[in-house]
Every structure is written in structure tokens, then in C-alpha cells.
Amino acid sequence: MKKIAVLMGGTSSEREVSLQSGRNVAEALASLGKYDVVPVVLDADSLDTMPKDVDAAYITLHGGWGENGGVQLALDRLGIPYTGPGAAASQIAMDKVKTKMVLEMNGVPTAAWGLANPDTEKSPLPLPVVVKPPCDGSSVGISKVSRPEEWKQALANAFKAIGAEGGNASSQTVLVEEYIPGREFTVGVIDGEALPVLEIVAPNGWYGYNEKYNSDETRYPFLEDEALAKKMQDIALSAYRAVGCRGVTRVDFRASPLGRCYVLELNTSPGFTSHSLVPKAGMKTGLSFAGVCDRILAGAKHD
């Protein structure tokens, strides 16, 4: 593979994050001196602006068409290898409800969950819960509900995010998930190998959009408890295989005070910004940032 298109931008609510990731990856790959790197900023759900003579595509699109199997299927049709999971696994992982079903069918521990529509008067689960749009990333539209009076606003936030993505919010349902008290972790997986486990220590204990991308107070220490780390890595690989992933994926966890680990979701196009966790974990193994990108690119495939 010589000529590499780095796909970034897109039409989802995560466009700005994608542009940051894409610029970083393009610069990193170019620094290796062995690729002809072509940054491709997408402004529509189409590959019309991508050169057709590229040898591979590095996907740094987040959310929407870039992560729900759309761009993967388009690249499959062109016969162009790309980074990350294929179309089927991407479609499952992007839909948090489908992910929950697949995880449960395969015995992978995940937080209890239910569904709500715009007219649902109260949480289907005991409080506290987390309300999430089923197909958004980067914590867009996510709220924690600790008291009954917070329910309606949380529901409104989630359905507003669905509408912002161009969906018909009135015909959708949102995910209501048991809030697991304890600690938050993430495990990156590259080509079936689990990376070192990172803990997410956010101010006030809430890891929202601002805490992910704008806050310098959020800390990401590596987990030193080897037994707990091994447990999470094994569960992450089970989730990765259950969904049918390949290439790079990030698996997000909550761990209870008793050490029970619950998979929250899988991210099949994890970020590569200055705050992103997969490159941080990859670099812990001895690779440079560019080396992590290179390793991910080496696994590019198409269906």
C-alpha cells in the first residue's frame, strides 16, 4: 500500500472531532516517509471526492455514515482496503441497542437496559440511569438521571441529538441504561490484541463531551491492578469477537466497587485527537503515535 486516503469530516455531529483525528493521522503517516498521503475531507455521504486510484483508505470519520457501515460498504464496492471493522460489524456497534442484544446473546456482561419513546413518562429502570441516543457517539445527547424531575430533560436531550443527525426523533426510541457506580475504563483492541487498560478519571465523575475533548482536568492513568486489567482485556476481546470486529476498536467499561466489569459500548472508529485513548494505549506498548497509525493501516482489508 502506497497511496493512502485519510477520510475525515463527514456530515455527523462529530465532524469537528473527525477533522482533528484526520489531520493528526495524515500528518503522522506522512512523517513515516513511505506513504503518499491524500487527506480527503468529506462534506457529503459519498466518496465522490476521493481519488479512485488509492491503495487503501484510513477511516477517521466518527458517527453517521462514516461509522454505521455506510462508508465501509462503499469501499467494499470499490474493492479498496480500509481500516477498522467491516460494514456488518460497524452497523451493529454503531447501534447501541443492537450491540446490547449481541453482547447478551454471547454472554458478554453489559449494564441492564430498557427503551423509551418521546412519551415515556418515567424511567423503565430504577434510578439512577443514563439516557443515550442509540446511534450517536462522543457523548452527544447523553444525560445521567438521578432524580425523577430530571427525566424529561434527559429524554429531550437525547431526542434532540437524534433530530440533529437528521433522524425522525418522533419515531425513534432511546436507550435507558442502568448507571453502574464505580470506575470507568477503556480497552483498545488492534487486530485482536488488547492494549493496556486506561482508566477515565473525569472531574465530578461525569465523562461527557466537554470532559472528552475540551477539559484538561480529565485524567487517563493506566490501570495498575493486573488482575482487573486482564479481566477487562479478556471481556473486551469477547465483545470484539461477538460483534465481528477486525482492525481497531475501542471497548468502553464501567467497573463496580466489587470489581464486576460491564461493557457499555464499542467504538469502531476511535478518535485520534490529542485527548484520544487508543493512540495513548498503543504508545504504551512502545510505538510512536505514527507507529500506532501504521500498525492500524497494516490491517486494512475490504469485504
Protein backbone atom coordinates (compact mmCIF):
# COMPACT_ATOMS: atom_id res chain seq x y z
CA MET A 1 0.00 0.00 0.00
CA LYS A 2 1.50 3.28 -1.11
CA LYS A 3 -1.21 5.86 -1.81
CA ILE A 4 -3.40 6.32 1.26
CA ALA A 5 -6.60 8.35 1.50
CA VAL A 6 -7.30 9.61 5.02
CA LEU A 7 -11.07 10.10 5.20
CA MET A 8 -12.25 12.82 7.60
CA GLY A 9 -15.03 15.33 8.19
CA GLY A 10 -18.36 13.85 7.21
CA THR A 11 -21.88 15.01 8.00
CA SER A 12 -22.39 13.82 11.58
CA SER A 13 -22.38 15.85 14.79
CA GLU A 14 -18.83 14.57 15.33
CA ARG A 15 -17.43 16.29 12.22
CA GLU A 16 -15.08 18.64 14.09
CA VAL A 17 -13.61 15.80 16.14
CA SER A 18 -13.17 13.80 12.93
CA LEU A 19 -11.28 16.66 11.30
CA GLN A 20 -8.89 16.76 14.26
CA SER A 21 -8.37 13.00 14.10
CA GLY A 22 -7.88 13.06 10.34
CA ARG A 23 -5.31 15.83 10.36
CA ASN A 24 -3.33 14.06 13.07
CA VAL A 25 -3.36 10.71 11.27
CA ALA A 26 -2.48 12.23 7.89
CA GLU A 27 0.46 14.11 9.39
CA ALA A 28 1.63 11.01 11.27
CA LEU A 29 1.51 8.72 8.24
CA ALA A 30 3.26 11.32 6.07
CA SER A 31 6.04 11.60 8.67
CA LEU A 32 6.94 7.95 8.12
CA GLY A 33 8.16 8.78 4.62
CA LYS A 34 6.77 5.65 2.98
CA TYR A 35 3.24 6.72 2.02
CA ASP A 36 1.71 9.17 -0.42
CA VAL A 37 -0.95 10.54 1.94
CA VAL A 38 -4.06 12.19 0.49
CA PRO A 39 -6.27 13.96 3.07
CA VAL A 40 -9.90 13.69 1.90
CA VAL A 41 -12.45 15.93 3.64
CA LEU A 42 -15.97 14.60 3.06
CA ASP A 43 -18.86 17.07 3.01
CA ALA A 44 -21.48 14.51 1.96
CA ASP A 45 -22.21 10.82 2.50
CA SER A 46 -20.31 9.92 -0.63
CA LEU A 47 -16.80 9.05 -1.82
CA ASP A 48 -17.09 11.18 -4.96
CA THR A 49 -14.23 13.44 -3.83
CA MET A 50 -11.87 10.56 -3.05
CA PRO A 51 -9.31 9.66 -5.74
CA LYS A 52 -10.15 6.24 -7.15
CA ASP A 53 -6.50 5.20 -7.54
CA VAL A 54 -5.74 4.98 -3.81
CA ASP A 55 -4.35 1.73 -2.44
CA ALA A 56 -6.15 1.98 0.92
CA ALA A 57 -8.38 4.25 2.99
CA TYR A 58 -7.70 5.19 6.60
CA ILE A 59 -11.09 5.96 8.16
CA THR A 60 -11.08 8.79 10.71
CA LEU A 61 -14.78 9.56 10.28
CA HIS A 62 -16.78 9.46 13.50
CA GLY A 63 -20.51 8.82 13.72
CA GLY A 64 -23.13 8.72 10.98
CA TRP A 65 -22.28 7.33 7.55
CA GLY A 66 -18.62 7.08 8.48
CA GLU A 67 -19.21 4.63 11.30
CA ASN A 68 -22.54 2.89 10.66
CA GLY A 69 -21.34 0.70 7.80
CA GLY A 70 -22.07 3.22 5.02
CA VAL A 71 -18.53 4.21 4.04
CA GLN A 72 -17.36 0.65 4.68
CA LEU A 73 -19.88 -0.73 2.21
CA ALA A 74 -18.95 1.95 -0.34
CA LEU A 75 -15.27 1.00 -0.03
CA ASP A 76 -16.15 -2.70 -0.33
CA ARG A 77 -17.88 -1.97 -3.63
CA LEU A 78 -14.76 -0.18 -4.88
CA GLY A 79 -12.51 -3.00 -3.69
CA ILE A 80 -10.40 -0.60 -1.60
CA PRO A 81 -8.99 -1.90 1.71
CA TYR A 82 -9.82 0.24 4.74
CA THR A 83 -9.02 0.40 8.43
CA GLY A 84 -11.35 -0.81 11.14
CA PRO A 85 -14.20 -3.32 11.11
CA GLY A 86 -16.30 -4.18 8.08
CA ALA A 87 -19.78 -2.91 7.27
CA ALA A 88 -21.77 -5.51 9.23
CA ALA A 89 -19.82 -5.12 12.48
CA SER A 90 -19.80 -1.32 12.12
CA GLN A 91 -23.58 -1.29 11.73
CA ILE A 92 -24.04 -3.35 14.91
CA ALA A 93 -21.56 -1.37 17.01
CA MET A 94 -22.98 1.99 15.94
CA ASP A 95 -26.42 0.97 17.21
CA LYS A 96 -26.20 0.70 20.99
CA VAL A 97 -29.41 -1.34 21.18
CA LYS A 98 -28.19 -3.92 18.65
CA THR A 99 -24.86 -4.00 20.48
CA LYS A 100 -26.63 -4.75 23.77
CA MET A 101 -28.55 -7.60 22.16
CA VAL A 102 -25.43 -9.13 20.59
CA LEU A 103 -23.44 -8.84 23.81
CA GLU A 104 -26.20 -10.50 25.84
CA MET A 105 -26.60 -13.30 23.26
CA ASN A 106 -22.89 -14.03 23.58
CA GLY A 107 -22.70 -13.88 27.35
CA VAL A 108 -20.70 -10.64 27.49
CA PRO A 109 -21.57 -8.69 30.67
CA THR A 110 -23.30 -5.38 29.99
CA ALA A 111 -25.38 -2.95 32.05
CA ALA A 112 -29.13 -3.57 32.33
CA TRP A 113 -31.12 -1.56 29.83
CA GLY A 114 -34.51 -0.54 28.52
CA LEU A 115 -36.04 1.71 25.87
CA ALA A 116 -38.03 4.93 25.97
CA ASN A 117 -40.01 6.91 23.39
CA PRO A 118 -40.81 10.65 23.47
CA ASP A 119 -43.97 9.99 25.52
CA THR A 120 -42.43 7.74 28.17
CA GLU A 121 -43.36 9.34 31.49
CA LYS A 122 -40.70 7.77 33.70
CA SER A 123 -37.61 5.61 33.51
CA PRO A 124 -38.23 1.91 32.76
CA LEU A 125 -35.37 1.14 35.18
CA PRO A 126 -34.77 2.22 38.79
CA LEU A 127 -32.78 5.46 39.09
CA PRO A 128 -30.02 6.38 38.60
CA VAL A 129 -29.90 5.70 34.85
CA VAL A 130 -28.11 7.04 31.80
CA VAL A 131 -30.21 8.12 28.78
CA LYS A 132 -28.50 7.79 25.40
CA PRO A 133 -29.38 8.30 21.74
CA PRO A 134 -28.94 4.81 20.24
CA CYS A 135 -26.66 5.83 17.37
CA ASP A 136 -24.62 8.85 18.46
CA GLY A 137 -21.05 8.99 19.72
CA SER A 138 -18.77 11.40 21.59
CA SER A 139 -21.34 11.57 24.43
CA VAL A 140 -23.65 13.77 22.32
CA GLY A 141 -27.13 13.89 23.86
CA ILE A 142 -26.26 11.70 26.86
CA SER A 143 -27.57 12.54 30.34
CA LYS A 144 -27.45 10.94 33.77
CA VAL A 145 -30.78 10.90 35.61
CA SER A 146 -30.55 10.69 39.39
CA ARG A 147 -33.91 12.24 40.31
CA PRO A 148 -37.37 11.85 38.71
CA GLU A 149 -37.56 15.57 37.85
CA GLU A 150 -34.50 15.18 35.59
CA TRP A 151 -36.18 12.56 33.38
CA LYS A 152 -38.00 14.81 30.88
CA GLN A 153 -34.96 16.98 30.18
CA ALA A 154 -32.74 13.94 29.66
CA LEU A 155 -35.28 12.49 27.24
CA ALA A 156 -35.43 15.83 25.38
CA ASN A 157 -31.63 15.98 25.13
CA ALA A 158 -31.44 12.52 23.60
CA PHE A 159 -34.21 13.10 21.06
CA LYS A 160 -32.75 16.49 20.15
CA ALA A 161 -29.48 14.72 19.27
CA ILE A 162 -31.38 12.26 17.08
CA GLY A 163 -33.02 15.16 15.24
CA ALA A 164 -29.65 16.90 14.80
CA GLU A 165 -28.41 13.79 12.98
CA GLY A 166 -31.29 14.07 10.51
CA GLY A 167 -33.34 11.31 12.13
CA ASN A 168 -37.06 11.39 12.77
CA ALA A 169 -36.96 11.81 16.54
CA SER A 170 -40.72 11.23 16.99
CA SER A 171 -40.48 7.70 15.55
CA GLN A 172 -37.32 6.73 17.45
CA THR A 173 -36.57 5.19 20.80
CA VAL A 174 -33.66 5.99 23.06
CA LEU A 175 -31.59 3.70 25.25
CA VAL A 176 -32.02 3.84 29.02
CA GLU A 177 -29.15 2.15 30.78
CA GLU A 178 -28.54 1.25 34.42
CA TYR A 179 -25.94 3.59 35.90
CA ILE A 180 -23.10 1.47 37.26
CA PRO A 181 -21.45 3.20 40.23
CA GLY A 182 -17.72 2.78 40.31
CA ARG A 183 -14.95 3.50 37.83
CA GLU A 184 -14.79 3.98 34.06
CA PHE A 185 -12.24 2.28 31.81
CA THR A 186 -11.50 1.74 28.16
CA VAL A 187 -9.66 -1.02 26.31
CA GLY A 188 -8.35 -0.56 22.79
CA VAL A 189 -8.08 -3.60 20.54
CA ILE A 190 -5.93 -3.72 17.39
CA ASP A 191 -6.11 -6.82 15.18
CA GLY A 192 -7.37 -8.99 18.01
CA GLU A 193 -4.80 -7.84 20.58
CA ALA A 194 -5.99 -5.96 23.65
CA LEU A 195 -3.97 -2.85 24.53
CA PRO A 196 -3.13 -1.65 28.07
CA VAL A 197 -6.21 -0.61 30.06
CA LEU A 198 -6.82 3.09 30.69
CA GLU A 199 -8.95 4.49 33.48
CA ILE A 200 -11.01 7.61 32.80
CA VAL A 201 -11.00 9.95 35.78
CA ALA A 202 -13.28 12.87 34.91
CA PRO A 203 -13.99 15.93 37.07
CA ASN A 204 -17.17 15.40 39.12
CA GLY A 205 -17.26 11.79 37.91
CA TRP A 206 -19.05 12.53 34.60
CA TYR A 207 -17.31 11.90 31.26
CA GLY A 208 -19.34 14.00 28.83
CA TYR A 209 -18.44 15.77 25.58
CA ASN A 210 -16.66 18.65 27.28
CA GLU A 211 -14.71 16.30 29.55
CA LYS A 212 -13.67 14.25 26.50
CA TYR A 213 -12.48 16.99 24.18
CA ASN A 214 -12.09 20.30 25.97
CA SER A 215 -11.13 19.64 29.57
CA ASP A 216 -7.54 19.44 30.76
CA GLU A 217 -8.77 18.17 34.13
CA THR A 218 -9.78 14.71 32.90
CA ARG A 219 -7.02 12.20 33.66
CA TYR A 220 -6.26 8.88 31.95
CA PRO A 221 -3.99 6.78 34.19
CA PHE A 222 -3.11 3.23 33.16
CA LEU A 223 -4.68 0.57 35.35
CA GLU A 224 -2.05 -0.96 37.61
CA ASP A 225 -4.23 -3.74 39.04
CA GLU A 226 -3.03 -6.56 36.77
CA ALA A 227 -5.83 -8.97 37.65
CA LEU A 228 -8.56 -6.42 36.93
CA ALA A 229 -6.78 -5.32 33.74
CA LYS A 230 -6.54 -8.90 32.47
CA LYS A 231 -10.22 -9.47 33.27
CA MET A 232 -11.22 -6.40 31.26
CA GLN A 233 -8.93 -7.23 28.35
CA ASP A 234 -10.45 -10.71 28.12
CA ILE A 235 -14.00 -9.31 28.19
CA ALA A 236 -13.03 -6.66 25.60
CA LEU A 237 -11.81 -9.39 23.24
CA SER A 238 -15.05 -11.34 23.79
CA ALA A 239 -17.08 -8.24 22.89
CA TYR A 240 -14.83 -7.56 19.86
CA ARG A 241 -15.35 -11.10 18.57
CA ALA A 242 -19.08 -11.17 19.38
CA VAL A 243 -19.76 -8.09 17.25
CA GLY A 244 -17.48 -9.41 14.47
CA CYS A 245 -14.87 -6.66 14.62
CA ARG A 246 -11.48 -6.57 12.96
CA GLY A 247 -8.76 -3.94 12.88
CA VAL A 248 -9.10 -1.25 15.54
CA THR A 249 -11.96 -0.93 18.04
CA ARG A 250 -12.29 0.62 21.50
CA VAL A 251 -14.37 -1.11 24.17
CA ASP A 252 -15.73 1.07 26.99
CA PHE A 253 -16.39 -0.28 30.50
CA ARG A 254 -17.76 0.51 33.92
CA ALA A 255 -16.41 -1.48 36.87
CA SER A 256 -18.40 -1.71 40.10
CA PRO A 257 -16.77 -1.35 43.53
CA LEU A 258 -16.88 -5.16 43.75
CA GLY A 259 -14.85 -5.47 40.55
CA ARG A 260 -17.69 -6.53 38.26
CA CYS A 261 -16.99 -5.29 34.73
CA TYR A 262 -19.72 -4.21 32.31
CA VAL A 263 -19.25 -3.37 28.63
CA LEU A 264 -21.06 -0.14 27.77
CA GLU A 265 -20.36 0.10 24.06
CA LEU A 266 -17.88 -0.47 21.23
CA ASN A 267 -16.39 2.33 19.13
CA THR A 268 -15.24 1.05 15.73
CA SER A 269 -13.68 4.36 14.65
CA PRO A 270 -11.97 5.66 17.79
CA GLY A 271 -10.60 9.17 17.88
CA PHE A 272 -7.02 10.22 17.19
CA THR A 273 -7.11 13.68 18.75
CA SER A 274 -4.73 14.91 21.43
CA HIS A 275 -7.21 13.62 24.05
CA SER A 276 -7.85 10.23 22.42
CA LEU A 277 -7.22 6.96 24.20
CA VAL A 278 -6.37 4.30 21.61
CA PRO A 279 -3.19 6.10 20.48
CA LYS A 280 -2.27 6.68 24.12
CA ALA A 281 -2.66 2.96 24.88
CA GLY A 282 -0.85 1.98 21.69
CA MET A 283 2.07 4.20 22.59
CA LYS A 284 2.27 2.45 25.99
CA THR A 285 3.32 -0.68 24.08
CA GLY A 286 6.40 1.14 22.76
CA LEU A 287 5.09 2.52 19.48
CA SER A 288 5.13 6.17 18.46
CA PHE A 289 1.87 7.92 17.53
CA ALA A 290 2.80 7.38 13.88
CA GLY A 291 3.66 3.78 14.67
CA VAL A 292 0.19 3.17 16.08
CA CYS A 293 -1.35 4.61 12.90
CA ASP A 294 0.97 2.47 10.79
CA ARG A 295 0.02 -0.68 12.67
CA ILE A 296 -3.68 0.03 12.18
CA LEU A 297 -3.14 0.72 8.47
CA ALA A 298 -1.27 -2.57 8.08
CA GLY A 299 -4.52 -4.39 8.96
CA ALA A 300 -6.61 -2.63 6.29
CA LYS A 301 -8.99 -5.01 4.46
CA HIS A 302 -12.20 -4.97 2.48
CA ASP A 303 -15.04 -7.48 2.13
